[in-house]
Every structure is written in C-alpha cells, then in structure tokens.
C-alpha atoms as a PDB file:
ATOM      1  CA  MET A   1      -0.035  -0.038  -0.016  1.00  0.00           C
ATOM      2  CA  ILE A   2       1.300   3.647  -0.874  1.00  0.00           C
ATOM      3  CA  GLN A   3       1.148   6.126   1.813  1.00  0.00           C
ATOM      4  CA  ILE A   4       0.867   9.769   0.972  1.00  0.00           C
ATOM      5  CA  PHE A   5       2.870  11.970   3.063  1.00  0.00           C
ATOM      6  CA  PRO A   6       2.005  15.483   4.304  1.00  0.00           C
ATOM      7  CA  GLU A   7       5.043  16.957   2.213  1.00  0.00           C
ATOM      8  CA  SER A   8       4.903  14.798  -0.665  1.00  0.00           C
ATOM      9  CA  ILE A   9       5.531  16.080  -4.196  1.00  0.00           C
ATOM     10  CA  VAL A  10       3.548  13.866  -6.666  1.00  0.00           C
ATOM     11  CA  LEU A  11       4.348  14.046 -10.406  1.00  0.00           C
ATOM     12  CA  GLY A  12       1.567  12.711 -12.540  1.00  0.00           C
ATOM     13  CA  LEU A  13       0.614  11.558 -16.010  1.00  0.00           C
ATOM     14  CA  ALA A  14      -2.755  12.672 -17.438  1.00  0.00           C
ATOM     15  CA  ARG A  15      -4.995   9.998 -18.402  1.00  0.00           C
ATOM     16  CA  GLY A  16      -8.294  10.295 -20.029  1.00  0.00           C
ATOM     17  CA  VAL A  17     -10.046   7.382 -18.073  1.00  0.00           C
ATOM     18  CA  GLU A  18     -12.034   7.680 -15.007  1.00  0.00           C
ATOM     19  CA  SER A  19     -11.346   4.737 -12.667  1.00  0.00           C
ATOM     20  CA  GLY A  20     -10.789   3.780  -8.998  1.00  0.00           C
ATOM     21  CA  PRO A  21      -7.373   2.113  -7.589  1.00  0.00           C
ATOM     22  CA  ASP A  22      -6.100  -0.330 -10.258  1.00  0.00           C
ATOM     23  CA  ASP A  23      -4.244  -3.542  -9.547  1.00  0.00           C
ATOM     24  CA  SER A  24      -1.049  -1.762  -8.652  1.00  0.00           C
ATOM     25  CA  GLY A  25      -2.660  -0.183  -5.638  1.00  0.00           C
ATOM     26  CA  TYR A  26      -2.103   3.447  -6.970  1.00  0.00           C
ATOM     27  CA  SER A  27      -5.213   5.456  -6.889  1.00  0.00           C
ATOM     28  CA  PRO A  28      -5.886   8.221  -9.383  1.00  0.00           C
ATOM     29  CA  ALA A  29      -6.263  11.794  -8.133  1.00  0.00           C
ATOM     30  CA  LEU A  30      -8.470  14.454  -9.707  1.00  0.00           C
ATOM     31  CA  LEU A  31      -7.173  17.766 -10.230  1.00  0.00           C
ATOM     32  CA  ASP A  32      -8.851  20.989 -11.406  1.00  0.00           C
ATOM     33  CA  SER A  33      -7.564  22.462 -14.544  1.00  0.00           C
ATOM     34  CA  ALA A  34      -7.372  26.106 -15.444  1.00  0.00           C
ATOM     35  CA  GLU A  35     -10.813  25.799 -17.095  1.00  0.00           C
ATOM     36  CA  SER A  36     -12.395  24.299 -14.057  1.00  0.00           C
ATOM     37  CA  SER A  37     -12.972  21.084 -15.659  1.00  0.00           C
ATOM     38  CA  ARG A  38     -11.805  17.956 -13.969  1.00  0.00           C
ATOM     39  CA  ILE A  39      -9.095  15.538 -15.550  1.00  0.00           C
ATOM     40  CA  GLU A  40      -7.675  12.363 -13.909  1.00  0.00           C
ATOM     41  CA  VAL A  41      -3.955  12.235 -12.978  1.00  0.00           C
ATOM     42  CA  ARG A  42      -2.394   8.942 -12.070  1.00  0.00           C
ATOM     43  CA  MET A  43       0.127   9.383  -9.363  1.00  0.00           C
ATOM     44  CA  LEU A  44       3.271   7.840 -10.649  1.00  0.00           C
ATOM     45  CA  GLU A  45       6.115   9.083  -8.356  1.00  0.00           C
ATOM     46  CA  GLU A  46       5.834   9.964  -4.723  1.00  0.00           C
ATOM     47  CA  THR A  47       8.706  11.784  -2.864  1.00  0.00           C
ATOM     48  CA  ASP A  48       8.973  12.171   0.842  1.00  0.00           C
ATOM     49  CA  ARG A  49      11.334  14.790   2.004  1.00  0.00           C
ATOM     50  CA  GLN A  50      12.576  13.472   5.390  1.00  0.00           C
ATOM     51  CA  ILE A  51      15.520  15.801   6.314  1.00  0.00           C
ATOM     52  CA  ASP A  52      16.160  19.351   4.968  1.00  0.00           C
ATOM     53  CA  ASN A  53      18.709  21.331   6.678  1.00  0.00           C
ATOM     54  CA  PRO A  54      21.787  23.422   5.828  1.00  0.00           C
ATOM     55  CA  ARG A  55      24.080  20.321   5.463  1.00  0.00           C
ATOM     56  CA  THR A  56      21.908  17.543   3.910  1.00  0.00           C
ATOM     57  CA  ARG A  57      18.567  16.911   2.263  1.00  0.00           C
ATOM     58  CA  VAL A  58      17.174  13.176   2.433  1.00  0.00           C
ATOM     59  CA  THR A  59      14.437  12.268   0.062  1.00  0.00           C
ATOM     60  CA  ARG A  60      12.617   8.915  -0.309  1.00  0.00           C
ATOM     61  CA  HIS A  61      11.349   8.244  -3.808  1.00  0.00           C
ATOM     62  CA  ARG A  62       8.667   5.749  -4.649  1.00  0.00           C
ATOM     63  CA  LEU A  63       8.100   4.872  -8.308  1.00  0.00           C
ATOM     64  CA  ALA A  64       5.075   2.874  -9.359  1.00  0.00           C
ATOM     65  CA  PRO A  65       5.525   0.442 -12.368  1.00  0.00           C
ATOM     66  CA  GLY A  66       5.935   2.629 -15.400  1.00  0.00           C
ATOM     67  CA  ALA A  67       6.677   5.732 -13.350  1.00  0.00           C
ATOM     68  CA  HIS A  68       9.462   8.117 -14.078  1.00  0.00           C
ATOM     69  CA  THR A  69      10.944  11.155 -12.035  1.00  0.00           C
ATOM     70  CA  GLY A  70      10.660  13.556 -14.820  1.00  0.00           C
ATOM     71  CA  PHE A  71      13.761  15.260 -16.301  1.00  0.00           C
ATOM     72  CA  HIS A  72      15.899  17.175 -13.801  1.00  0.00           C
ATOM     73  CA  ARG A  73      19.350  18.346 -12.639  1.00  0.00           C
ATOM     74  CA  HIS A  74      21.085  17.619  -9.292  1.00  0.00           C
ATOM     75  CA  GLU A  75      22.657  20.808  -7.956  1.00  0.00           C
ATOM     76  CA  PHE A  76      24.497  18.922  -5.161  1.00  0.00           C
ATOM     77  CA  ASP A  77      26.599  15.765  -4.929  1.00  0.00           C
ATOM     78  CA  TYR A  78      24.468  12.901  -3.822  1.00  0.00           C
ATOM     79  CA  VAL A  79      24.181   9.386  -2.606  1.00  0.00           C
ATOM     80  CA  VAL A  80      21.348   6.991  -3.572  1.00  0.00           C
ATOM     81  CA  VAL A  81      20.490   4.032  -1.200  1.00  0.00           C
ATOM     82  CA  PRO A  82      18.194   1.612  -2.872  1.00  0.00           C
ATOM     83  CA  ILE A  83      15.454   0.155  -0.549  1.00  0.00           C
ATOM     84  CA  SER A  84      14.317  -2.290  -3.287  1.00  0.00           C
ATOM     85  CA  GLY A  85      16.407  -3.932  -5.890  1.00  0.00           C
ATOM     86  CA  GLY A  86      15.886  -4.077  -9.554  1.00  0.00           C
ATOM     87  CA  ARG A  87      16.738  -2.352 -12.842  1.00  0.00           C
ATOM     88  CA  MET A  88      16.025   1.292 -13.703  1.00  0.00           C
ATOM     89  CA  ARG A  89      16.212   2.978 -17.007  1.00  0.00           C
ATOM     90  CA  ILE A  90      17.920   6.283 -17.177  1.00  0.00           C
ATOM     91  CA  VAL A  91      17.822   8.798 -19.885  1.00  0.00           C
ATOM     92  CA  GLU A  92      20.833  11.243 -19.909  1.00  0.00           C
ATOM     93  CA  GLY A  93      20.589  13.716 -22.910  1.00  0.00           C
ATOM     94  CA  THR A  94      20.377  11.441 -25.944  1.00  0.00           C
ATOM     95  CA  GLN A  95      21.766   8.396 -24.093  1.00  0.00           C
ATOM     96  CA  GLU A  96      19.789   5.579 -22.447  1.00  0.00           C
ATOM     97  CA  VAL A  97      21.477   3.520 -19.838  1.00  0.00           C
ATOM     98  CA  TYR A  98      20.425   0.912 -17.438  1.00  0.00           C
ATOM     99  CA  ALA A  99      21.429   0.531 -13.754  1.00  0.00           C
ATOM    100  CA  ASP A 100      21.002  -2.453 -11.546  1.00  0.00           C
ATOM    101  CA  LEU A 101      20.086  -1.704  -8.081  1.00  0.00           C
ATOM    102  CA  SER A 102      20.653  -3.923  -4.992  1.00  0.00           C
ATOM    103  CA  SER A 103      18.752  -3.113  -1.796  1.00  0.00           C
ATOM    104  CA  GLY A 104      21.173  -1.470   0.626  1.00  0.00           C
ATOM    105  CA  ILE A 105      24.040  -1.003  -1.662  1.00  0.00           C
ATOM    106  CA  ALA A 106      24.550   2.774  -1.962  1.00  0.00           C
ATOM    107  CA  TYR A 107      26.170   4.631  -4.850  1.00  0.00           C
ATOM    108  CA  PHE A 108      27.588   8.212  -5.415  1.00  0.00           C
ATOM    109  CA  ARG A 109      26.749  10.774  -8.226  1.00  0.00           C
ATOM    110  CA  PRO A 110      28.419  14.285  -8.597  1.00  0.00           C
ATOM    111  CA  ALA A 111      26.609  17.606  -8.941  1.00  0.00           C
ATOM    112  CA  GLY A 112      25.421  18.544 -12.389  1.00  0.00           C
ATOM    113  CA  VAL A 113      23.906  15.163 -13.272  1.00  0.00           C
ATOM    114  CA  GLU A 114      20.767  15.795 -15.451  1.00  0.00           C
ATOM    115  CA  HIS A 115      18.474  12.810 -16.160  1.00  0.00           C
ATOM    116  CA  ASP A 116      14.973  11.267 -16.035  1.00  0.00           C
ATOM    117  CA  VAL A 117      14.770   7.899 -14.199  1.00  0.00           C
ATOM    118  CA  PHE A 118      12.238   5.339 -15.234  1.00  0.00           C
ATOM    119  CA  ASN A 119      10.719   2.244 -13.512  1.00  0.00           C
ATOM    120  CA  ASP A 120      10.230  -0.333 -16.126  1.00  0.00           C
ATOM    121  CA  LEU A 121       9.747  -3.104 -13.519  1.00  0.00           C
ATOM    122  CA  ASP A 122       6.388  -4.699 -12.699  1.00  0.00           C
ATOM    123  CA  ARG A 123       6.684  -3.579  -9.066  1.00  0.00           C
ATOM    124  CA  GLU A 124       7.511  -0.545  -7.105  1.00  0.00           C
ATOM    125  CA  LEU A 125      10.952   0.922  -6.962  1.00  0.00           C
ATOM    126  CA  VAL A 126      12.016   2.609  -3.886  1.00  0.00           C
ATOM    127  CA  PHE A 127      15.201   4.512  -3.112  1.00  0.00           C
ATOM    128  CA  VAL A 128      16.557   7.213  -0.653  1.00  0.00           C
ATOM    129  CA  GLU A 129      18.473  10.278  -2.102  1.00  0.00           C
ATOM    130  CA  VAL A 130      20.907  11.935   0.283  1.00  0.00           C
ATOM    131  CA  GLU A 131      22.092  15.238  -1.161  1.00  0.00           C
ATOM    132  CA  LEU A 132      25.402  16.739   0.208  1.00  0.00           C
ATOM    133  CA  ILE A 133      24.602  20.333   0.548  1.00  0.00           C
ATOM    134  CA  SER A 134      27.633  21.466   2.534  1.00  0.00           C
END
C-alpha cells in the first residue's frame, strides 16, 4: 500500500479514463484544470522529504511500475541508497542506460547530473537520495 505523506511532491501523467485504484494499488487523483474541468492524473512518483537542513537533504522516492521522475538536474553531490532492488532505465541527454540496484548498496553521483529515471519493472521501485549540501 502506498502512503501519501504530508510533504509529498507528486508527479503525474494525465489519463483520459475515470477509474478507482488499479491492480497496482495506486489511486488516481482528480485535479482542477484552469478551465475548472476535472481531469484524472495517475500518481506515478511520490517523494517524501525526510530531512532538509543546511548540510543535507534526504528524500525517499517511490516509483510505481511505469513511473518516471521527470527530467531534472542535481545541484549537489548525492548518494542513492536503494530500498528495493531492480533495474532502472535512465535517460541522460540522448543516451539511455540501465542501472541495476541492489537493496542497501549505495552509490555516489556528482552535482550537475541531468536525467530522467524510469521504473520499467512490474513492481514498485524505492530508493533514498541523500544530497550533500555542505
């Protein structure tokens, strides 16, 4: 079951179908558009900011099957600690690479990385990102 945390940032993908929770356990959310009509947005990625201080920022990422983070740039060096294992697809510019994650095995990435991370698995992908601010 997916928890929605008070400080969650949810990225979504618009869908034209009205429905309740699907087999994945992710529920669609209805958001008002500028024209006050209602569209369905399936929650794909949830982030839970756990620590945010002058030295570090710690965020848990939960990606549903088929979810992606959206293209973004990391302004600080960071460490990723996978909670669940599996393969993620990463698009960096014009290149597409795959990374195999093992639960509890951390890795480091430098500031300036620009990418979009995709969960092509048939199950949720969870990892914790620790940004090294100072």
